[in-house]
C-alpha atoms as a PDB file:
ATOM      1  CA  MET A   1     -23.334  -4.065  -1.420  1.00  0.00           C
ATOM      2  CA  ARG A   2     -25.639  -5.517   0.930  1.00  0.00           C
ATOM      3  CA  ARG A   3     -25.086  -9.169  -0.253  1.00  0.00           C
ATOM      4  CA  SER A   4     -21.260  -8.607   0.070  1.00  0.00           C
ATOM      5  CA  TRP A   5     -21.662  -7.009   3.452  1.00  0.00           C
ATOM      6  CA  SER A   6     -23.882  -9.905   4.673  1.00  0.00           C
ATOM      7  CA  LEU A   7     -21.459 -12.451   3.401  1.00  0.00           C
ATOM      8  CA  ALA A   8     -18.412 -10.940   5.002  1.00  0.00           C
ATOM      9  CA  TRP A   9     -20.088 -10.555   8.378  1.00  0.00           C
ATOM     10  CA  ALA A  10     -22.143 -13.878   8.260  1.00  0.00           C
ATOM     11  CA  ARG A  11     -20.924 -16.762  10.664  1.00  0.00           C
ATOM     12  CA  THR A  12     -19.471 -18.738   7.771  1.00  0.00           C
ATOM     13  CA  GLY A  13     -17.850 -15.829   5.866  1.00  0.00           C
ATOM     14  CA  ALA A  14     -16.227 -13.965   8.558  1.00  0.00           C
ATOM     15  CA  PRO A  15     -13.444 -16.152   9.199  1.00  0.00           C
ATOM     16  CA  ARG A  16     -12.885 -17.037   5.557  1.00  0.00           C
ATOM     17  CA  VAL A  17     -12.689 -13.469   4.355  1.00  0.00           C
ATOM     18  CA  PRO A  18      -9.510 -12.467   6.543  1.00  0.00           C
ATOM     19  CA  ALA A  19      -8.195 -15.753   5.779  1.00  0.00           C
ATOM     20  CA  LEU A  20      -8.075 -15.256   2.395  1.00  0.00           C
ATOM     21  CA  ALA A  21      -7.278 -11.203   2.595  1.00  0.00           C
ATOM     22  CA  LEU A  22      -4.217 -11.648   4.781  1.00  0.00           C
ATOM     23  CA  PRO A  23      -2.178 -14.134   2.393  1.00  0.00           C
ATOM     24  CA  LEU A  24      -3.150 -11.752  -0.586  1.00  0.00           C
ATOM     25  CA  ALA A  25      -1.948  -8.771   1.532  1.00  0.00           C
ATOM     26  CA  ALA A  26       1.270 -10.691   1.956  1.00  0.00           C
ATOM     27  CA  VAL A  27       1.775 -11.676  -1.357  1.00  0.00           C
ATOM     28  CA  ALA A  28       1.100  -8.056  -2.785  1.00  0.00           C
ATOM     29  CA  ALA A  29       3.614  -6.718  -0.249  1.00  0.00           C
ATOM     30  CA  GLY A  30       6.294  -9.078  -1.539  1.00  0.00           C
ATOM     31  CA  VAL A  31       5.500  -8.457  -5.367  1.00  0.00           C
ATOM     32  CA  LEU A  32       5.824  -4.605  -4.576  1.00  0.00           C
ATOM     33  CA  ARG A  33       9.078  -5.162  -2.772  1.00  0.00           C
ATOM     34  CA  LEU A  34      10.544  -7.219  -5.659  1.00  0.00           C
ATOM     35  CA  ALA A  35       9.124  -4.982  -8.195  1.00  0.00           C
ATOM     36  CA  VAL A  36      10.507  -1.566  -6.823  1.00  0.00           C
ATOM     37  CA  GLN A  37      13.898  -3.360  -6.147  1.00  0.00           C
ATOM     38  CA  ALA A  38      13.808  -4.702  -9.809  1.00  0.00           C
ATOM     39  CA  ALA A  39      13.012  -1.028 -11.023  1.00  0.00           C
ATOM     40  CA  LEU A  40      15.649   0.618  -9.343  1.00  0.00           C
ATOM     41  CA  PRO A  41      18.043   0.918 -12.339  1.00  0.00           C
ATOM     42  CA  LEU A  42      15.303   3.427 -13.601  1.00  0.00           C
ATOM     43  CA  ARG A  43      16.224   6.101 -11.010  1.00  0.00           C
ATOM     44  CA  PRO A  44      19.501   7.239 -12.928  1.00  0.00           C
ATOM     45  CA  VAL A  45      17.827   7.159 -16.472  1.00  0.00           C
ATOM     46  CA  VAL A  46      14.929   9.342 -15.176  1.00  0.00           C
ATOM     47  CA  ARG A  47      16.804  11.743 -13.187  1.00  0.00           C
ATOM     48  CA  GLU A  48      19.281  12.395 -16.282  1.00  0.00           C
ATOM     49  CA  MET A  49      16.572  12.733 -18.724  1.00  0.00           C
ATOM     50  CA  LEU A  50      14.585  15.099 -16.502  1.00  0.00           C
ATOM     51  CA  GLU A  51      17.697  16.991 -15.381  1.00  0.00           C
ATOM     52  CA  ALA A  52      18.530  17.446 -19.042  1.00  0.00           C
ATOM     53  CA  ALA A  53      15.069  18.404 -20.000  1.00  0.00           C
ATOM     54  CA  THR A  54      13.984  20.877 -17.055  1.00  0.00           C
ATOM     55  CA  GLY A  55      17.452  21.857 -15.470  1.00  0.00           C
ATOM     56  CA  ASN A  56      16.003  21.234 -12.002  1.00  0.00           C
ATOM     57  CA  PHE A  57      18.057  18.813 -10.151  1.00  0.00           C
ATOM     58  CA  PHE A  58      15.678  18.294  -7.205  1.00  0.00           C
ATOM     59  CA  ALA A  59      12.557  17.667  -9.321  1.00  0.00           C
ATOM     60  CA  ALA A  60      14.669  15.319 -11.374  1.00  0.00           C
ATOM     61  CA  TYR A  61      16.149  13.611  -8.300  1.00  0.00           C
ATOM     62  CA  TYR A  62      12.669  12.916  -6.650  1.00  0.00           C
ATOM     63  CA  ALA A  63      11.114  11.775  -9.923  1.00  0.00           C
ATOM     64  CA  GLY A  64      14.268   9.304 -10.438  1.00  0.00           C
ATOM     65  CA  ILE A  65      13.019   8.064  -6.848  1.00  0.00           C
ATOM     66  CA  LEU A  66       9.396   7.989  -7.478  1.00  0.00           C
ATOM     67  CA  ALA A  67       9.864   6.195 -10.847  1.00  0.00           C
ATOM     68  CA  SER A  68      10.739   2.953  -9.290  1.00  0.00           C
ATOM     69  CA  VAL A  69       7.759   3.050  -6.917  1.00  0.00           C
ATOM     70  CA  VAL A  70       5.344   3.720  -9.512  1.00  0.00           C
ATOM     71  CA  VAL A  71       6.583   1.043 -11.733  1.00  0.00           C
ATOM     72  CA  GLY A  72       6.449  -1.261  -8.500  1.00  0.00           C
ATOM     73  CA  VAL A  73       2.830  -0.314  -7.830  1.00  0.00           C
ATOM     74  CA  LEU A  74       1.600  -0.833 -11.600  1.00  0.00           C
ATOM     75  CA  VAL A  75       3.326  -4.417 -11.528  1.00  0.00           C
ATOM     76  CA  THR A  76       2.005  -5.188  -8.272  1.00  0.00           C
ATOM     77  CA  ALA A  77      -1.714  -4.222  -9.297  1.00  0.00           C
ATOM     78  CA  VAL A  78      -1.080  -6.449 -12.826  1.00  0.00           C
ATOM     79  CA  VAL A  79       0.041  -9.478 -10.749  1.00  0.00           C
ATOM     80  CA  VAL A  80      -2.118  -9.378  -7.792  1.00  0.00           C
ATOM     81  CA  LEU A  81      -5.440  -7.889  -8.630  1.00  0.00           C
ATOM     82  CA  PRO A  82      -6.806 -10.558 -11.185  1.00  0.00           C
ATOM     83  CA  VAL A  83      -5.894 -13.193  -8.586  1.00  0.00           C
ATOM     84  CA  ALA A  84      -7.453 -11.498  -5.628  1.00  0.00           C
ATOM     85  CA  CYS A  85     -10.648 -10.618  -7.783  1.00  0.00           C
ATOM     86  CA  THR A  86     -10.917 -14.269  -8.807  1.00  0.00           C
ATOM     87  CA  ALA A  87     -10.215 -15.630  -5.198  1.00  0.00           C
ATOM     88  CA  PHE A  88     -12.825 -13.026  -3.808  1.00  0.00           C
ATOM     89  CA  ALA A  89     -15.331 -14.113  -6.485  1.00  0.00           C
ATOM     90  CA  VAL A  90     -14.977 -17.824  -5.649  1.00  0.00           C
ATOM     91  CA  LEU A  91     -15.499 -17.250  -1.898  1.00  0.00           C
ATOM     92  CA  HIS A  92     -18.435 -15.313  -2.684  1.00  0.00           C
ATOM     93  CA  GLY A  93     -20.009 -18.180  -4.958  1.00  0.00           C
ATOM     94  CA  ARG A  94     -19.111 -20.564  -2.224  1.00  0.00           C
ATOM     95  CA  LEU A  95     -20.884 -18.543   0.553  1.00  0.00           C
ATOM     96  CA  ARG A  96     -24.024 -17.873  -1.497  1.00  0.00           C
ATOM     97  CA  PRO A  97     -27.189 -19.700   0.089  1.00  0.00           C
ATOM     98  CA  PRO A  98     -28.791 -22.280  -1.732  1.00  0.00           C
ATOM     99  CA  VAL A  99     -31.360 -21.163  -4.343  1.00  0.00           C
ATOM    100  CA  ARG A 100     -35.027 -21.952  -3.407  1.00  0.00           C
ATOM    101  CA  ARG A 101     -37.335 -22.705  -6.362  1.00  0.00           C
ATOM    102  CA  GLY A 102     -40.804 -22.958  -5.683  1.00  0.00           C
END
């Protein structure tokens, strides 16, 4: 943690971390929006299944709404997290000071 903190707040790393994080956040928001929109057909399926199983219309209705959101969050994590981790690892490697041998 100390190393990451010093890299993020160092003079060379401070502008690079937000410059990398902001586009990644925009990509994550876009993927989340697209995944939730693509998962909207799950709403009636989940609602009908849960209403038949429990008999509770309100719980089934809200579970149907949340089903597309859950799918969107999971798809976003699968798509964006590997890219983000790789990008920050590369940034960490480039900001590392030269190793002194002696």
